[in-house]
Protein backbone atom coordinates (compact mmCIF):
# COMPACT_ATOMS: atom_id res chain seq x y z
CA MET A 1 161.85 -112.63 -94.12
CA LYS A 2 158.27 -112.36 -92.90
CA THR A 3 157.75 -116.06 -93.55
CA LEU A 4 160.84 -116.85 -91.47
CA ASP A 5 159.57 -114.66 -88.63
CA LYS A 6 156.22 -116.43 -88.70
CA MET A 7 157.93 -119.82 -88.53
CA VAL A 8 160.01 -118.69 -85.55
CA ILE A 9 156.92 -117.35 -83.76
CA LEU A 10 155.03 -120.57 -84.50
CA LYS A 11 157.86 -122.70 -83.10
CA GLN A 12 158.05 -120.51 -79.99
CA THR A 13 154.29 -120.82 -79.50
CA LYS A 14 154.46 -124.61 -79.79
CA LEU A 15 157.37 -124.67 -77.34
CA VAL A 16 155.45 -122.55 -74.82
CA ARG A 17 152.40 -124.81 -75.14
CA SER A 18 154.56 -127.90 -74.63
CA VAL A 19 156.09 -126.38 -71.50
CA ILE A 20 152.64 -125.48 -70.14
CA GLU A 21 151.28 -128.98 -70.81
CA LEU A 22 154.35 -130.57 -69.21
CA ASP A 23 153.96 -128.30 -66.19
CA LYS A 24 150.29 -129.26 -65.88
CA LYS A 25 151.16 -132.96 -66.01
CA HIS A 26 153.90 -132.47 -63.43
CA THR A 27 151.52 -130.54 -61.18
CA LEU A 28 148.84 -133.23 -61.47
CA ILE A 29 151.33 -136.00 -60.65
CA GLN A 30 152.64 -133.98 -57.72
CA ARG A 31 149.11 -133.46 -56.40
CA ILE A 32 148.36 -137.18 -56.62
CA LYS A 33 151.61 -137.99 -54.77
CA THR A 34 150.74 -135.46 -52.07
CA TYR A 35 147.20 -136.84 -51.82
CA ILE A 36 148.52 -140.36 -51.25
CA LEU A 37 151.70 -139.74 -49.24
CA ASN A 38 150.95 -136.53 -47.35
CA PRO A 39 147.17 -135.91 -47.21
CA ALA A 40 147.54 -133.40 -44.36
CA LYS A 41 149.46 -131.08 -46.67
CA TYR A 42 146.86 -131.61 -49.39
CA PHE A 43 144.06 -130.53 -47.04
CA GLU A 44 145.91 -127.38 -45.92
CA LYS A 45 144.91 -125.67 -49.17
CA CYS A 46 141.32 -126.78 -48.59
CA ARG A 47 141.36 -124.98 -45.23
CA GLU A 48 142.09 -121.66 -46.93
CA GLU A 49 140.23 -122.19 -50.21
CA PRO A 50 137.56 -124.90 -49.98
CA SER A 51 136.77 -126.15 -53.48
CA CYS A 52 134.36 -129.03 -53.90
CA ALA A 53 132.77 -128.45 -57.33
CA LYS A 54 135.53 -130.08 -59.38
CA HIS A 55 135.83 -133.01 -56.96
CA LEU A 56 132.08 -133.60 -56.92
CA GLY A 57 132.08 -133.35 -60.70
CA LEU A 58 134.75 -136.04 -61.02
CA LEU A 59 133.04 -138.25 -58.43
CA THR A 60 129.79 -137.86 -60.35
CA LEU A 61 131.45 -138.99 -63.59
CA ILE A 62 132.87 -142.04 -61.79
CA ALA A 63 129.45 -142.85 -60.32
CA ILE A 64 127.78 -142.58 -63.74
CA ALA A 65 130.45 -144.78 -65.32
CA ARG A 66 130.02 -147.36 -62.55
CA ALA A 67 126.24 -147.45 -62.98
CA LEU A 68 126.43 -147.78 -66.77
CA ILE A 69 129.07 -150.51 -66.53
CA SER A 70 126.99 -152.40 -63.95
CA ASN A 71 124.02 -152.23 -66.28
CA GLN A 72 126.00 -153.64 -69.20
CA VAL A 73 127.64 -156.39 -67.14
CA ASN A 74 124.24 -157.65 -65.98
CA ARG A 75 122.29 -157.06 -69.19
CA GLN A 76 122.27 -160.78 -70.03
CA SER A 77 120.57 -161.73 -66.77
CA PHE A 78 118.10 -158.88 -67.34
CA SER A 79 117.24 -160.26 -70.79
CA GLN A 80 116.74 -163.75 -69.36
CA MET A 81 114.39 -162.37 -66.71
CA ASN A 82 112.39 -160.55 -69.40
CA HIS A 83 112.08 -163.76 -71.41
CA LEU A 84 110.78 -165.67 -68.40
CA MET A 85 108.22 -162.96 -67.65
CA ILE A 86 106.94 -162.79 -71.20
CA SER A 87 106.68 -166.59 -71.44
CA ASN A 88 104.42 -166.63 -68.38
CA GLN A 89 101.02 -166.23 -70.08
CA SER A 90 98.97 -166.36 -66.87
CA HIS A 91 100.14 -162.92 -65.75
CA ASN A 92 101.00 -161.47 -69.12
CA ASP A 93 99.61 -157.95 -68.53
CA ALA A 94 101.37 -157.53 -65.19
CA ASN A 95 104.60 -158.90 -66.63
CA ASN A 96 104.46 -156.47 -69.55
CA ILE A 97 104.07 -153.57 -67.12
CA VAL A 98 107.11 -154.75 -65.14
CA VAL A 99 109.16 -155.32 -68.29
CA ASN A 100 108.29 -151.86 -69.63
CA PHE A 101 109.11 -150.27 -66.28
CA LEU A 102 112.49 -152.02 -66.10
CA GLY A 103 113.17 -150.97 -69.67
CA VAL A 104 112.69 -147.31 -68.70
CA VAL A 105 114.73 -147.68 -65.50
CA ASN A 106 117.60 -149.26 -67.44
CA SER A 107 117.79 -146.57 -70.10
CA PRO A 108 121.10 -144.61 -70.13
CA VAL A 109 119.28 -141.38 -69.26
CA ALA A 110 117.55 -142.90 -66.23
CA ILE A 111 120.79 -144.53 -65.08
CA THR A 112 122.67 -141.24 -65.38
CA ILE A 113 120.01 -139.26 -63.51
CA GLY A 114 119.79 -141.93 -60.80
CA ALA A 115 123.56 -142.01 -60.30
CA ILE A 116 123.77 -138.21 -60.04
CA ALA A 117 120.81 -138.00 -57.64
CA ALA A 118 122.13 -140.77 -55.37
CA LEU A 119 125.63 -139.31 -55.17
CA MET A 120 124.55 -135.71 -54.62
CA ALA A 121 121.94 -136.63 -52.02
CA SER A 122 124.38 -138.78 -50.08
CA TYR A 123 127.08 -136.08 -50.01
CA ILE A 124 124.73 -133.19 -49.23
CA ILE A 125 123.13 -135.07 -46.33
CA SER A 126 126.43 -136.47 -45.05
CA ALA A 127 128.12 -133.07 -45.17
CA GLY A 128 125.20 -131.54 -43.26
CA ILE A 129 125.36 -134.18 -40.52
CA CYS A 130 129.16 -134.01 -40.24
CA TYR A 131 129.14 -130.22 -40.16
CA ALA A 132 126.45 -130.19 -37.47
CA LEU A 133 128.37 -132.69 -35.33
CA ILE A 134 131.94 -131.57 -36.02
CA GLY A 135 131.91 -128.05 -37.41
CA LYS A 136 129.52 -126.69 -34.78
CA LEU A 137 130.96 -128.84 -31.99
CA PHE A 138 134.53 -127.56 -32.32
CA LYS A 139 133.65 -124.10 -33.64
CA GLY A 140 136.62 -123.87 -35.97
CA GLY A 141 135.15 -120.93 -37.84
CA LYS A 142 134.67 -123.00 -40.97
CA SER A 143 131.59 -123.39 -43.13
CA TYR A 144 129.43 -126.16 -44.54
CA LYS A 145 131.39 -125.76 -47.78
CA HIS A 146 134.58 -126.75 -45.95
CA MET A 147 132.97 -129.98 -44.77
CA MET A 148 131.63 -130.73 -48.23
CA ALA A 149 135.14 -130.24 -49.64
CA VAL A 150 136.61 -132.62 -47.04
CA LEU A 151 134.07 -135.33 -47.87
CA ALA A 152 134.46 -134.88 -51.63
CA ILE A 153 138.25 -135.00 -51.52
CA SER A 154 138.14 -138.05 -49.26
CA GLY A 155 135.67 -139.89 -51.48
CA TYR A 156 138.01 -140.98 -54.28
CA PRO A 157 139.16 -144.33 -52.79
CA SER A 158 135.58 -145.52 -52.23
CA ALA A 159 134.56 -144.25 -55.67
CA ILE A 160 137.40 -146.20 -57.30
CA TYR A 161 136.40 -149.34 -55.39
CA ASN A 162 132.78 -148.99 -56.49
CA LEU A 163 133.91 -148.49 -60.09
CA ILE A 164 136.01 -151.66 -60.00
CA ASN A 165 133.14 -153.53 -58.36
CA GLY A 166 130.89 -152.44 -61.21
CA PHE A 167 132.67 -154.87 -63.53
CA LEU A 168 131.67 -157.82 -61.32
CA PRO A 169 128.28 -159.55 -61.76
CA LYS A 170 125.98 -159.27 -58.77
CA GLU A 171 123.37 -161.71 -57.55
CA ALA A 172 119.89 -160.35 -56.83
CA ASP A 173 119.54 -162.23 -53.54
CA VAL A 174 122.43 -160.64 -51.63
CA SER A 175 121.47 -160.13 -47.98
CA PHE A 176 121.68 -156.78 -46.19
CA VAL A 177 124.53 -158.06 -43.97
CA ASN A 178 126.55 -159.25 -46.96
CA GLU A 179 125.87 -155.99 -48.78
CA LEU A 180 127.09 -154.01 -45.79
CA ALA A 181 130.15 -156.23 -45.39
CA LEU A 182 131.14 -155.56 -49.00
CA THR A 183 131.43 -151.84 -48.21
CA ILE A 184 134.02 -152.45 -45.46
CA ASN A 185 137.40 -152.85 -47.14
CA VAL A 186 140.80 -151.24 -47.65
CA PHE A 187 139.32 -148.47 -49.78
CA THR A 188 136.73 -147.65 -47.11
CA PHE A 189 139.49 -147.52 -44.50
CA TRP A 190 141.51 -145.21 -46.74
CA THR A 191 138.50 -142.92 -47.11
CA PHE A 192 138.04 -143.02 -43.33
CA VAL A 193 141.67 -141.99 -42.74
CA LEU A 194 141.41 -139.15 -45.27
CA MET A 195 138.25 -137.84 -43.63
CA ILE A 196 139.92 -137.89 -40.21
CA VAL A 197 143.00 -136.08 -41.52
CA GLY A 198 140.93 -133.62 -43.53
CA SER A 199 138.55 -132.77 -40.69
CA SER A 200 141.42 -132.42 -38.22
CA VAL A 201 143.39 -130.10 -40.51
CA VAL A 202 140.53 -128.02 -41.92
CA PHE A 203 138.54 -127.64 -38.68
CA GLU A 204 141.68 -127.58 -36.49
CA VAL A 205 140.35 -130.23 -34.13
CA PRO A 206 142.41 -130.54 -30.91
CA ARG A 207 144.32 -133.82 -30.65
CA GLU A 208 142.57 -134.87 -27.44
CA LYS A 209 139.14 -134.52 -29.08
CA ARG A 210 139.90 -136.41 -32.28
CA VAL A 211 138.51 -139.65 -30.85
CA VAL A 212 135.03 -138.13 -31.03
CA VAL A 213 135.64 -137.14 -34.64
CA ASN A 214 136.91 -140.63 -35.45
CA VAL A 215 133.75 -142.29 -34.14
CA ILE A 216 131.44 -139.88 -35.99
CA LEU A 217 133.33 -140.21 -39.26
CA PHE A 218 133.62 -144.00 -39.02
CA PHE A 219 129.85 -144.47 -39.08
CA MET A 220 129.47 -141.72 -41.67
CA VAL A 221 131.97 -143.38 -44.02
CA ILE A 222 130.18 -146.72 -43.72
CA ALA A 223 126.78 -145.09 -44.34
CA LEU A 224 128.03 -142.96 -47.25
CA ASN A 225 129.80 -145.85 -48.94
CA PHE A 226 126.85 -148.18 -48.38
CA ILE A 227 124.41 -145.72 -49.97
CA ASN A 228 126.60 -145.18 -53.03
CA TYR A 229 127.36 -148.90 -53.32
CA SER A 230 123.71 -149.88 -53.00
CA ALA A 231 122.61 -147.23 -55.49
CA GLY A 232 124.98 -148.67 -58.06
CA SER A 233 123.90 -152.19 -57.15
CA LEU A 234 120.32 -151.44 -58.20
CA TYR A 235 121.54 -151.42 -61.77
CA LYS A 236 123.10 -154.81 -61.19
CA ILE A 237 119.95 -156.32 -59.79
CA TYR A 238 117.57 -154.79 -62.31
CA GLY A 239 120.03 -154.32 -65.15
């Protein structure tokens, strides 16, 4: 009888776990749908409870993955460059120094640290500038944390684009103009729209003043995406 009771309890426990897991999956899918189809509703929760840690954590993982992938994609060109340097006997000592330096820079630990530092610095600085220009300007009673949450939540489209771009080989002689042009795309526009919606909802920006917000955020999106894109590109040029 006791064995039967244990089996019943075990089955009930498994059933409860299955229901919880299914509910979590449903909730995640629903959140993604809301994020894509109704971002204003998604940002309403951010207005009451700004949470940026989990979003920054996920963005950091994407940035690290992008940097590591870029390094692997371009490892062949890196090896060829090393071979050319070593074969040049006239500047052998200098070449060895460069090769050793690039070897350290292209280690997984250095790549991970660099990706984290670049992403965190870009978001911390961008959030500070946006909060100073928008949060203080409209005095919505919100904090720096609210602005950081808006930027982090809005950053997924650009992060996904950068991750996809990491699989593509990159030439070392790309000009600044071409590099900047590569950061202006559908994903950047999507990020721009999300930042506008998020700032308007969270900071309760009046409709007639949203043009000012749009201009500020447009240049901020371009700058933020360019910094993150260029940081990942370093591993393509030197990796």
